[in-house]
């Protein structure tokens, strides 16, 4: 699944990174951390579903060739691995913040 590349403008953050909200800000808003995480989970699930359909089509002989099937499964696997690594980093960062003394 290709990701769209758009030009930079003064109104957007570089590299498509969502702007950081100050402490106490709404993290569930359109650019909040919760919505970004939820979108990522939906994309990973969607890639997994596409891989499952591709494998089923290949096994039943309904048109998908082996190359497309392997690409779909690898894409889903890489997306899941990336999401797990990001989750691990977030959990580690949270644990470090909880260790800080106030």
PDB file of N, CA and C in Angstrom:
ATOM      1  N   UNK A   1       0.845  -1.161   0.000  1.00  0.00           N
ATOM      2  CA  UNK A   1       0.000   0.000   0.000  1.00  0.00           C
ATOM      3  C   UNK A   1       0.897   1.232   0.000  1.00  0.00           C
ATOM      4  N   UNK A   2       0.980   1.965  -1.108  1.00  0.00           N
ATOM      5  CA  UNK A   2       1.862   3.127  -1.163  1.00  0.00           C
ATOM      6  C   UNK A   2       1.310   4.276  -0.326  1.00  0.00           C
ATOM      7  N   UNK A   3       2.238   5.005   0.270  1.00  0.00           N
ATOM      8  CA  UNK A   3       1.856   6.162   1.061  1.00  0.00           C
ATOM      9  C   UNK A   3       2.003   7.404   0.199  1.00  0.00           C
ATOM     10  N   UNK A   4       0.992   8.293   0.197  1.00  0.00           N
ATOM     11  CA  UNK A   4       1.063   9.485  -0.648  1.00  0.00           C
ATOM     12  C   UNK A   4       2.140  10.443  -0.137  1.00  0.00           C
ATOM     13  N   UNK A   5       2.844  11.059  -1.078  1.00  0.00           N
ATOM     14  CA  UNK A   5       3.863  12.033  -0.733  1.00  0.00           C
ATOM     15  C   UNK A   5       3.358  13.382  -1.229  1.00  0.00           C
ATOM     16  N   UNK A   6       3.271  14.321  -0.315  1.00  0.00           N
ATOM     17  CA  UNK A   6       2.793  15.646  -0.696  1.00  0.00           C
ATOM     18  C   UNK A   6       3.895  16.658  -0.449  1.00  0.00           C
ATOM     19  N   UNK A   7       3.792  17.779  -1.126  1.00  0.00           N
ATOM     20  CA  UNK A   7       4.767  18.839  -0.960  1.00  0.00           C
ATOM     21  C   UNK A   7       4.636  19.497   0.399  1.00  0.00           C
ATOM     22  N   UNK A   8       5.716  20.117   0.850  1.00  0.00           N
ATOM     23  CA  UNK A   8       5.706  20.801   2.131  1.00  0.00           C
ATOM     24  C   UNK A   8       5.125  22.190   1.960  1.00  0.00           C
ATOM     25  N   UNK A   9       4.349  22.599   2.914  1.00  0.00           N
ATOM     26  CA  UNK A   9       3.848  23.958   2.935  1.00  0.00           C
ATOM     27  C   UNK A   9       4.049  24.514   4.326  1.00  0.00           C
ATOM     28  N   UNK A  10       3.858  25.789   4.475  1.00  0.00           N
ATOM     29  CA  UNK A  10       4.093  26.402   5.780  1.00  0.00           C
ATOM     30  C   UNK A  10       3.038  26.009   6.796  1.00  0.00           C
ATOM     31  N   UNK A  11       1.891  25.499   6.358  1.00  0.00           N
ATOM     32  CA  UNK A  11       0.825  25.160   7.295  1.00  0.00           C
ATOM     33  C   UNK A  11       0.918  23.727   7.814  1.00  0.00           C
ATOM     34  N   UNK A  12       1.788  22.896   7.232  1.00  0.00           N
ATOM     35  CA  UNK A  12       1.902  21.513   7.691  1.00  0.00           C
ATOM     36  C   UNK A  12       3.251  21.288   8.324  1.00  0.00           C
ATOM     37  N   UNK A  13       3.316  20.322   9.196  1.00  0.00           N
ATOM     38  CA  UNK A  13       4.578  19.972   9.830  1.00  0.00           C
ATOM     39  C   UNK A  13       5.431  19.198   8.838  1.00  0.00           C
ATOM     40  N   UNK A  14       6.761  19.252   8.941  1.00  0.00           N
ATOM     41  CA  UNK A  14       7.614  18.528   8.001  1.00  0.00           C
ATOM     42  C   UNK A  14       7.423  17.025   8.102  1.00  0.00           C
ATOM     43  N   UNK A  15       7.528  16.371   6.960  1.00  0.00           N
ATOM     44  CA  UNK A  15       7.451  14.920   6.841  1.00  0.00           C
ATOM     45  C   UNK A  15       6.121  14.350   7.313  1.00  0.00           C
ATOM     46  N   UNK A  16       5.083  15.146   7.329  1.00  0.00           N
ATOM     47  CA  UNK A  16       3.759  14.656   7.684  1.00  0.00           C
ATOM     48  C   UNK A  16       3.588  14.335   9.151  1.00  0.00           C
ATOM     49  N   UNK A  17       4.468  14.838  10.012  1.00  0.00           N
ATOM     50  CA  UNK A  17       4.380  14.578  11.441  1.00  0.00           C
ATOM     51  C   UNK A  17       3.319  15.495  12.036  1.00  0.00           C
ATOM     52  N   UNK A  18       2.455  14.930  12.857  1.00  0.00           N
ATOM     53  CA  UNK A  18       1.403  15.720  13.476  1.00  0.00           C
ATOM     54  C   UNK A  18       2.022  16.692  14.474  1.00  0.00           C
ATOM     55  N   UNK A  19       1.478  17.901  14.565  1.00  0.00           N
ATOM     56  CA  UNK A  19       2.027  18.858  15.527  1.00  0.00           C
ATOM     57  C   UNK A  19       1.818  18.375  16.961  1.00  0.00           C
ATOM     58  N   UNK A  20       2.749  18.716  17.823  1.00  0.00           N
ATOM     59  CA  UNK A  20       2.692  18.304  19.217  1.00  0.00           C
ATOM     60  C   UNK A  20       1.735  19.211  19.964  1.00  0.00           C
ATOM     61  N   UNK A  21       0.834  18.622  20.751  1.00  0.00           N
ATOM     62  CA  UNK A  21      -0.079  19.419  21.552  1.00  0.00           C
ATOM     63  C   UNK A  21       0.524  19.615  22.922  1.00  0.00           C
ATOM     64  N   UNK A  22       0.287  20.752  23.544  1.00  0.00           N
ATOM     65  CA  UNK A  22       0.843  20.982  24.873  1.00  0.00           C
ATOM     66  C   UNK A  22       0.205  20.070  25.911  1.00  0.00           C
ATOM     67  N   UNK A  23       0.847  19.939  27.061  1.00  0.00           N
ATOM     68  CA  UNK A  23       0.304  19.119  28.136  1.00  0.00           C
ATOM     69  C   UNK A  23      -1.088  19.601  28.494  1.00  0.00           C
ATOM     70  N   UNK A  24      -1.960  18.665  28.744  1.00  0.00           N
ATOM     71  CA  UNK A  24      -3.331  19.020  29.065  1.00  0.00           C
ATOM     72  C   UNK A  24      -4.177  19.217  27.829  1.00  0.00           C
ATOM     73  N   UNK A  25      -3.553  19.105  26.639  1.00  0.00           N
ATOM     74  CA  UNK A  25      -4.292  19.249  25.397  1.00  0.00           C
ATOM     75  C   UNK A  25      -5.116  18.007  25.111  1.00  0.00           C
ATOM     76  N   UNK A  26      -5.975  18.092  24.131  1.00  0.00           N
ATOM     77  CA  UNK A  26      -6.851  16.977  23.789  1.00  0.00           C
ATOM     78  C   UNK A  26      -6.088  16.004  22.906  1.00  0.00           C
ATOM     79  N   UNK A  27      -5.739  14.841  23.448  1.00  0.00           N
ATOM     80  CA  UNK A  27      -4.973  13.857  22.678  1.00  0.00           C
ATOM     81  C   UNK A  27      -5.862  12.967  21.832  1.00  0.00           C
ATOM     82  N   UNK A  28      -7.173  13.108  21.944  1.00  0.00           N
ATOM     83  CA  UNK A  28      -8.070  12.278  21.148  1.00  0.00           C
ATOM     84  C   UNK A  28      -8.620  13.039  19.947  1.00  0.00           C
ATOM     85  N   UNK A  29      -8.137  14.246  19.725  1.00  0.00           N
ATOM     86  CA  UNK A  29      -8.596  15.050  18.602  1.00  0.00           C
ATOM     87  C   UNK A  29      -8.087  14.493  17.292  1.00  0.00           C
ATOM     88  N   UNK A  30      -8.323  15.224  16.202  1.00  0.00           N
ATOM     89  CA  UNK A  30      -7.948  14.723  14.884  1.00  0.00           C
ATOM     90  C   UNK A  30      -6.456  14.477  14.711  1.00  0.00           C
ATOM     91  N   UNK A  31      -5.598  15.220  15.380  1.00  0.00           N
ATOM     92  CA  UNK A  31      -4.166  15.013  15.246  1.00  0.00           C
ATOM     93  C   UNK A  31      -3.558  14.452  16.512  1.00  0.00           C
ATOM     94  N   UNK A  32      -4.376  13.988  17.439  1.00  0.00           N
ATOM     95  CA  UNK A  32      -3.891  13.508  18.722  1.00  0.00           C
ATOM     96  C   UNK A  32      -3.251  12.145  18.629  1.00  0.00           C
ATOM     97  N   UNK A  33      -2.527  11.802  19.669  1.00  0.00           N
ATOM     98  CA  UNK A  33      -1.799  10.540  19.702  1.00  0.00           C
ATOM     99  C   UNK A  33      -2.744   9.353  19.623  1.00  0.00           C
ATOM    100  N   UNK A  34      -3.878   9.442  20.315  1.00  0.00           N
ATOM    101  CA  UNK A  34      -4.846   8.342  20.298  1.00  0.00           C
ATOM    102  C   UNK A  34      -5.390   8.069  18.915  1.00  0.00           C
ATOM    103  N   UNK A  35      -5.698   9.127  18.178  1.00  0.00           N
ATOM    104  CA  UNK A  35      -6.240   8.930  16.832  1.00  0.00           C
ATOM    105  C   UNK A  35      -5.179   8.419  15.868  1.00  0.00           C
ATOM    106  N   UNK A  36      -3.941   8.858  16.046  1.00  0.00           N
ATOM    107  CA  UNK A  36      -2.850   8.360  15.196  1.00  0.00           C
ATOM    108  C   UNK A  36      -2.631   6.874  15.445  1.00  0.00           C
ATOM    109  N   UNK A  37      -2.653   6.476  16.715  1.00  0.00           N
ATOM    110  CA  UNK A  37      -2.475   5.073  17.061  1.00  0.00           C
ATOM    111  C   UNK A  37      -3.631   4.229  16.538  1.00  0.00           C
ATOM    112  N   UNK A  38      -4.833   4.748  16.642  1.00  0.00           N
ATOM    113  CA  UNK A  38      -6.004   4.021  16.150  1.00  0.00           C
ATOM    114  C   UNK A  38      -5.951   3.874  14.629  1.00  0.00           C
ATOM    115  N   UNK A  39      -5.534   4.924  13.928  1.00  0.00           N
ATOM    116  CA  UNK A  39      -5.390   4.837  12.467  1.00  0.00           C
ATOM    117  C   UNK A  39      -4.339   3.798  12.081  1.00  0.00           C
ATOM    118  N   UNK A  40      -3.236   3.765  12.823  1.00  0.00           N
ATOM    119  CA  UNK A  40      -2.186   2.791  12.534  1.00  0.00           C
ATOM    120  C   UNK A  40      -2.697   1.370  12.747  1.00  0.00           C
ATOM    121  N   UNK A  41      -3.462   1.156  13.811  1.00  0.00           N
ATOM    122  CA  UNK A  41      -4.009  -0.179  14.061  1.00  0.00           C
ATOM    123  C   UNK A  41      -4.978  -0.582  12.955  1.00  0.00           C
ATOM    124  N   UNK A  42      -5.772   0.362  12.473  1.00  0.00           N
ATOM    125  CA  UNK A  42      -6.709   0.059  11.390  1.00  0.00           C
ATOM    126  C   UNK A  42      -5.966  -0.294  10.107  1.00  0.00           C
ATOM    127  N   UNK A  43      -4.879   0.424   9.815  1.00  0.00           N
ATOM    128  CA  UNK A  43      -4.106   0.133   8.607  1.00  0.00           C
ATOM    129  C   UNK A  43      -3.442  -1.237   8.687  1.00  0.00           C
ATOM    130  N   UNK A  44      -2.915  -1.577   9.863  1.00  0.00           N
ATOM    131  CA  UNK A  44      -2.300  -2.897  10.042  1.00  0.00           C
ATOM    132  C   UNK A  44      -3.350  -3.987   9.875  1.00  0.00           C
ATOM    133  N   UNK A  45      -4.523  -3.780  10.464  1.00  0.00           N
ATOM    134  CA  UNK A  45      -5.610  -4.752  10.316  1.00  0.00           C
ATOM    135  C   UNK A  45      -6.070  -4.878   8.883  1.00  0.00           C
ATOM    136  N   UNK A  46      -6.130  -3.751   8.182  1.00  0.00           N
ATOM    137  CA  UNK A  46      -6.545  -3.764   6.783  1.00  0.00           C
ATOM    138  C   UNK A  46      -5.537  -4.525   5.923  1.00  0.00           C
ATOM    139  N   UNK A  47      -4.245  -4.309   6.176  1.00  0.00           N
ATOM    140  CA  UNK A  47      -3.228  -5.044   5.418  1.00  0.00           C
ATOM    141  C   UNK A  47      -3.303  -6.537   5.710  1.00  0.00           C
ATOM    142  N   UNK A  48      -3.583  -6.895   6.956  1.00  0.00           N
ATOM    143  CA  UNK A  48      -3.750  -8.304   7.306  1.00  0.00           C
ATOM    144  C   UNK A  48      -4.948  -8.924   6.606  1.00  0.00           C
ATOM    145  N   UNK A  49      -6.043  -8.183   6.542  1.00  0.00           N
ATOM    146  CA  UNK A  49      -7.238  -8.670   5.843  1.00  0.00           C
ATOM    147  C   UNK A  49      -6.972  -8.854   4.348  1.00  0.00           C
ATOM    148  N   UNK A  50      -6.246  -7.883   3.757  1.00  0.00           N
ATOM    149  CA  UNK A  50      -5.920  -7.989   2.332  1.00  0.00           C
ATOM    150  C   UNK A  50      -5.035  -9.208   2.078  1.00  0.00           C
ATOM    151  N   UNK A  51      -4.099  -9.479   2.979  1.00  0.00           N
ATOM    152  CA  UNK A  51      -3.229 -10.652   2.820  1.00  0.00           C
ATOM    153  C   UNK A  51      -4.037 -11.937   2.929  1.00  0.00           C
ATOM    154  N   UNK A  52      -4.980 -11.974   3.859  1.00  0.00           N
ATOM    155  CA  UNK A  52      -5.816 -13.162   4.022  1.00  0.00           C
ATOM    156  C   UNK A  52      -6.646 -13.422   2.777  1.00  0.00           C
ATOM    157  N   UNK A  53      -7.234 -12.367   2.226  1.00  0.00           N
ATOM    158  CA  UNK A  53      -8.038 -12.514   1.004  1.00  0.00           C
ATOM    159  C   UNK A  53      -7.163 -12.963  -0.156  1.00  0.00           C
ATOM    160  N   UNK A  54      -5.957 -12.407  -0.247  1.00  0.00           N
ATOM    161  CA  UNK A  54      -5.051 -12.780  -1.326  1.00  0.00           C
ATOM    162  C   UNK A  54      -4.650 -14.253  -1.232  1.00  0.00           C
ATOM    163  N   UNK A  55      -4.373 -14.729  -0.022  1.00  0.00           N
ATOM    164  CA  UNK A  55      -4.015 -16.137   0.163  1.00  0.00           C
ATOM    165  C   UNK A  55      -5.203 -17.027  -0.179  1.00  0.00           C
ATOM    166  N   UNK A  56      -6.390 -16.639   0.267  1.00  0.00           N
ATOM    167  CA  UNK A  56      -7.583 -17.432  -0.054  1.00  0.00           C
ATOM    168  C   UNK A  56      -7.827 -17.485  -1.560  1.00  0.00           C
ATOM    169  N   UNK A  57      -7.663 -16.352  -2.233  1.00  0.00           N
ATOM    170  CA  UNK A  57      -7.837 -16.327  -3.688  1.00  0.00           C
ATOM    171  C   UNK A  57      -6.795 -17.197  -4.382  1.00  0.00           C
ATOM    172  N   UNK A  58      -5.570 -17.183  -3.876  1.00  0.00           N
ATOM    173  CA  UNK A  58      -4.522 -18.004  -4.475  1.00  0.00           C
ATOM    174  C   UNK A  58      -4.818 -19.487  -4.288  1.00  0.00           C
ATOM    175  N   UNK A  59      -5.243 -19.857  -3.082  1.00  0.00           N
ATOM    176  CA  UNK A  59      -5.497 -21.272  -2.803  1.00  0.00           C
ATOM    177  C   UNK A  59      -6.707 -21.816  -3.552  1.00  0.00           C
ATOM    178  N   UNK A  60      -7.681 -20.965  -3.805  1.00  0.00           N
ATOM    179  CA  UNK A  60      -8.861 -21.419  -4.542  1.00  0.00           C
ATOM    180  C   UNK A  60      -8.692 -21.258  -6.049  1.00  0.00           C
ATOM    181  N   UNK A  61      -7.596 -20.614  -6.481  1.00  0.00           N
ATOM    182  CA  UNK A  61      -7.345 -20.449  -7.913  1.00  0.00           C
ATOM    183  C   UNK A  61      -8.188 -19.377  -8.553  1.00  0.00           C
ATOM    184  N   UNK A  62      -8.575 -18.369  -7.792  1.00  0.00           N
ATOM    185  CA  UNK A  62      -9.453 -17.317  -8.319  1.00  0.00           C
ATOM    186  C   UNK A  62      -8.711 -16.129  -8.917  1.00  0.00           C
ATOM    187  N   UNK A  63      -7.461 -16.295  -9.296  1.00  0.00           N
ATOM    188  CA  UNK A  63      -6.835 -15.232 -10.068  1.00  0.00           C
ATOM    189  C   UNK A  63      -5.579 -14.620  -9.498  1.00  0.00           C
ATOM    190  N   UNK A  64      -5.390 -14.564  -8.171  1.00  0.00           N
ATOM    191  CA  UNK A  64      -4.167 -13.963  -7.647  1.00  0.00           C
ATOM    192  C   UNK A  64      -2.990 -14.891  -7.913  1.00  0.00           C
ATOM    193  N   UNK A  65      -1.898 -14.320  -8.447  1.00  0.00           N
ATOM    194  CA  UNK A  65      -0.717 -15.138  -8.675  1.00  0.00           C
ATOM    195  C   UNK A  65       0.146 -15.165  -7.422  1.00  0.00           C
ATOM    196  N   UNK A  66       1.152 -15.994  -7.432  1.00  0.00           N
ATOM    197  CA  UNK A  66       1.993 -16.211  -6.264  1.00  0.00           C
ATOM    198  C   UNK A  66       2.730 -14.941  -5.848  1.00  0.00           C
ATOM    199  N   UNK A  67       3.183 -14.157  -6.820  1.00  0.00           N
ATOM    200  CA  UNK A  67       3.926 -12.935  -6.499  1.00  0.00           C
ATOM    201  C   UNK A  67       3.066 -11.949  -5.727  1.00  0.00           C
ATOM    202  N   UNK A  68       1.858 -11.726  -6.186  1.00  0.00           N
ATOM    203  CA  UNK A  68       0.963 -10.787  -5.490  1.00  0.00           C
ATOM    204  C   UNK A  68       0.614 -11.299  -4.098  1.00  0.00           C
ATOM    205  N   UNK A  69       0.439 -12.593  -3.980  1.00  0.00           N
ATOM    206  CA  UNK A  69       0.114 -13.176  -2.685  1.00  0.00           C
ATOM    207  C   UNK A  69       1.272 -13.015  -1.714  1.00  0.00           C
ATOM    208  N   UNK A  70       2.482 -13.302  -2.156  1.00  0.00           N
ATOM    209  CA  UNK A  70       3.647 -13.163  -1.298  1.00  0.00           C
ATOM    210  C   UNK A  70       3.892 -11.707  -0.918  1.00  0.00           C
ATOM    211  N   UNK A  71       3.710 -10.791  -1.848  1.00  0.00           N
ATOM    212  CA  UNK A  71       3.871  -9.374  -1.532  1.00  0.00           C
ATOM    213  C   UNK A  71       2.849  -8.923  -0.493  1.00  0.00           C
ATOM    214  N   UNK A  72       1.627  -9.368  -0.625  1.00  0.00           N
ATOM    215  CA  UNK A  72       0.584  -8.978   0.328  1.00  0.00           C
ATOM    216  C   UNK A  72       0.888  -9.523   1.721  1.00  0.00           C
ATOM    217  N   UNK A  73       1.345 -10.768   1.794  1.00  0.00           N
ATOM    218  CA  UNK A  73       1.645 -11.334   3.115  1.00  0.00           C
ATOM    219  C   UNK A  73       2.879 -10.682   3.736  1.00  0.00           C
ATOM    220  N   UNK A  74       3.884 -10.384   2.937  1.00  0.00           N
ATOM    221  CA  UNK A  74       5.077  -9.708   3.458  1.00  0.00           C
ATOM    222  C   UNK A  74       4.761  -8.287   3.909  1.00  0.00           C
ATOM    223  N   UNK A  75       3.924  -7.594   3.143  1.00  0.00           N
ATOM    224  CA  UNK A  75       3.506  -6.237   3.509  1.00  0.00           C
ATOM    225  C   UNK A  75       2.779  -6.257   4.850  1.00  0.00           C
ATOM    226  N   UNK A  76       1.884  -7.223   5.038  1.00  0.00           N
ATOM    227  CA  UNK A  76       1.142  -7.332   6.291  1.00  0.00           C
ATOM    228  C   UNK A  76       2.084  -7.690   7.441  1.00  0.00           C
ATOM    229  N   UNK A  77       3.028  -8.574   7.200  1.00  0.00           N
ATOM    230  CA  UNK A  77       3.979  -8.978   8.237  1.00  0.00           C
ATOM    231  C   UNK A  77       4.869  -7.808   8.659  1.00  0.00           C
ATOM    232  N   UNK A  78       5.372  -7.060   7.686  1.00  0.00           N
ATOM    233  CA  UNK A  78       6.218  -5.909   8.002  1.00  0.00           C
ATOM    234  C   UNK A  78       5.439  -4.831   8.749  1.00  0.00           C
ATOM    235  N   UNK A  79       4.202  -4.598   8.360  1.00  0.00           N
ATOM    236  CA  UNK A  79       3.382  -3.601   9.040  1.00  0.00           C
ATOM    237  C   UNK A  79       3.139  -4.010  10.487  1.00  0.00           C
ATOM    238  N   UNK A  80       2.879  -5.279  10.709  1.00  0.00           N
ATOM    239  CA  UNK A  80       2.642  -5.755  12.071  1.00  0.00           C
ATOM    240  C   UNK A  80       3.917  -5.658  12.913  1.00  0.00           C
ATOM    241  N   UNK A  81       5.055  -6.029  12.347  1.00  0.00           N
ATOM    242  CA  UNK A  81       6.320  -5.934  13.072  1.00  0.00           C
ATOM    243  C   UNK A  81       6.644  -4.482  13.421  1.00  0.00           C
ATOM    244  N   UNK A  82       6.434  -3.574  12.471  1.00  0.00           N
ATOM    245  CA  UNK A  82       6.684  -2.158  12.727  1.00  0.00           C
ATOM    246  C   UNK A  82       5.775  -1.639  13.827  1.00  0.00           C
ATOM    247  N   UNK A  83       4.505  -2.010  13.779  1.00  0.00           N
ATOM    248  CA  UNK A  83       3.564  -1.556  14.797  1.00  0.00           C
ATOM    249  C   UNK A  83       3.961  -2.091  16.172  1.00  0.00           C
ATOM    250  N   UNK A  84       4.397  -3.343  16.247  1.00  0.00           N
ATOM    251  CA  UNK A  84       4.817  -3.905  17.531  1.00  0.00           C
ATOM    252  C   UNK A  84       6.058  -3.196  18.076  1.00  0.00           C
ATOM    253  N   UNK A  85       6.994  -2.855  17.203  1.00  0.00           N
ATOM    254  CA  UNK A  85       8.179  -2.129  17.647  1.00  0.00           C
ATOM    255  C   UNK A  85       7.831  -0.737  18.154  1.00  0.00           C
ATOM    256  N   UNK A  86       6.918  -0.062  17.463  1.00  0.00           N
ATOM    257  CA  UNK A  86       6.472   1.260  17.921  1.00  0.00           C
ATOM    258  C   UNK A  86       5.773   1.128  19.267  1.00  0.00           C
ATOM    259  N   UNK A  87       4.936   0.116  19.410  1.00  0.00           N
ATOM    260  CA  UNK A  87       4.248  -0.111  20.685  1.00  0.00           C
ATOM    261  C   UNK A  87       5.256  -0.350  21.800  1.00  0.00           C
ATOM    262  N   UNK A  88       6.276  -1.151  21.527  1.00  0.00           N
ATOM    263  CA  UNK A  88       7.299  -1.426  22.533  1.00  0.00           C
ATOM    264  C   UNK A  88       8.035  -0.151  22.943  1.00  0.00           C
ATOM    265  N   UNK A  89       8.327   0.712  21.981  1.00  0.00           N
ATOM    266  CA  UNK A  89       9.003   1.972  22.289  1.00  0.00           C
ATOM    267  C   UNK A  89       8.098   2.886  23.117  1.00  0.00           C
ATOM    268  N   UNK A  90       6.822   2.919  22.819  1.00  0.00           N
ATOM    269  CA  UNK A  90       5.888   3.745  23.580  1.00  0.00           C
ATOM    270  C   UNK A  90       5.780   3.233  25.012  1.00  0.00           C
ATOM    271  N   UNK A  91       5.685   1.935  25.179  1.00  0.00           N
ATOM    272  CA  UNK A  91       5.609   1.357  26.519  1.00  0.00           C
ATOM    273  C   UNK A  91       6.895   1.645  27.293  1.00  0.00           C
ATOM    274  N   UNK A  92       8.034   1.519  26.648  1.00  0.00           N
ATOM    275  CA  UNK A  92       9.310   1.799  27.316  1.00  0.00           C
ATOM    276  C   UNK A  92       9.398   3.272  27.714  1.00  0.00           C
ATOM    277  N   UNK A  93       8.952   4.161  26.852  1.00  0.00           N
ATOM    278  CA  UNK A  93       8.963   5.586  27.173  1.00  0.00           C
ATOM    279  C   UNK A  93       8.026   5.886  28.338  1.00  0.00           C
ATOM    280  N   UNK A  94       6.873   5.260  28.339  1.00  0.00           N
ATOM    281  CA  UNK A  94       5.927   5.447  29.440  1.00  0.00           C
ATOM    282  C   UNK A  94       6.533   4.964  30.756  1.00  0.00           C
ATOM    283  N   UNK A  95       7.194   3.813  30.732  1.00  0.00           N
ATOM    284  CA  UNK A  95       7.826   3.302  31.942  1.00  0.00           C
ATOM    285  C   UNK A  95       8.922   4.218  32.433  1.00  0.00           C
ATOM    286  N   UNK A  96       9.683   4.815  31.525  1.00  0.00           N
ATOM    287  CA  UNK A  96      10.734   5.760  31.920  1.00  0.00           C
ATOM    288  C   UNK A  96      10.130   7.010  32.560  1.00  0.00           C
ATOM    289  N   UNK A  97       9.027   7.493  32.004  1.00  0.00           N
ATOM    290  CA  UNK A  97       8.373   8.671  32.578  1.00  0.00           C
ATOM    291  C   UNK A  97       7.825   8.344  33.962  1.00  0.00           C
ATOM    292  N   UNK A  98       7.296   7.150  34.143  1.00  0.00           N
ATOM    293  CA  UNK A  98       6.771   6.766  35.445  1.00  0.00           C
ATOM    294  C   UNK A  98       7.874   6.604  36.494  1.00  0.00           C
ATOM    295  N   UNK A  99       9.107   6.329  36.073  1.00  0.00           N
ATOM    296  CA  UNK A  99      10.214   6.202  36.992  1.00  0.00           C
ATOM    297  C   UNK A  99      10.731   7.558  37.477  1.00  0.00           C
ATOM    298  N   UNK A 100      10.400   8.620  36.735  1.00  0.00           N
ATOM    299  CA  UNK A 100      10.898   9.946  37.102  1.00  0.00           C
ATOM    300  C   UNK A 100      10.306  10.393  38.423  1.00  0.00           C
ATOM    301  N   UNK A 101      11.142  11.030  39.224  1.00  0.00           N
ATOM    302  CA  UNK A 101      10.652  11.571  40.488  1.00  0.00           C
ATOM    303  C   UNK A 101      10.257  13.027  40.280  1.00  0.00           C
ATOM    304  N   UNK A 102       9.153  13.372  40.896  1.00  0.00           N
ATOM    305  CA  UNK A 102       8.627  14.725  40.711  1.00  0.00           C
ATOM    306  C   UNK A 102       9.096  15.637  41.813  1.00  0.00           C
TER     307      UNK A 102
END
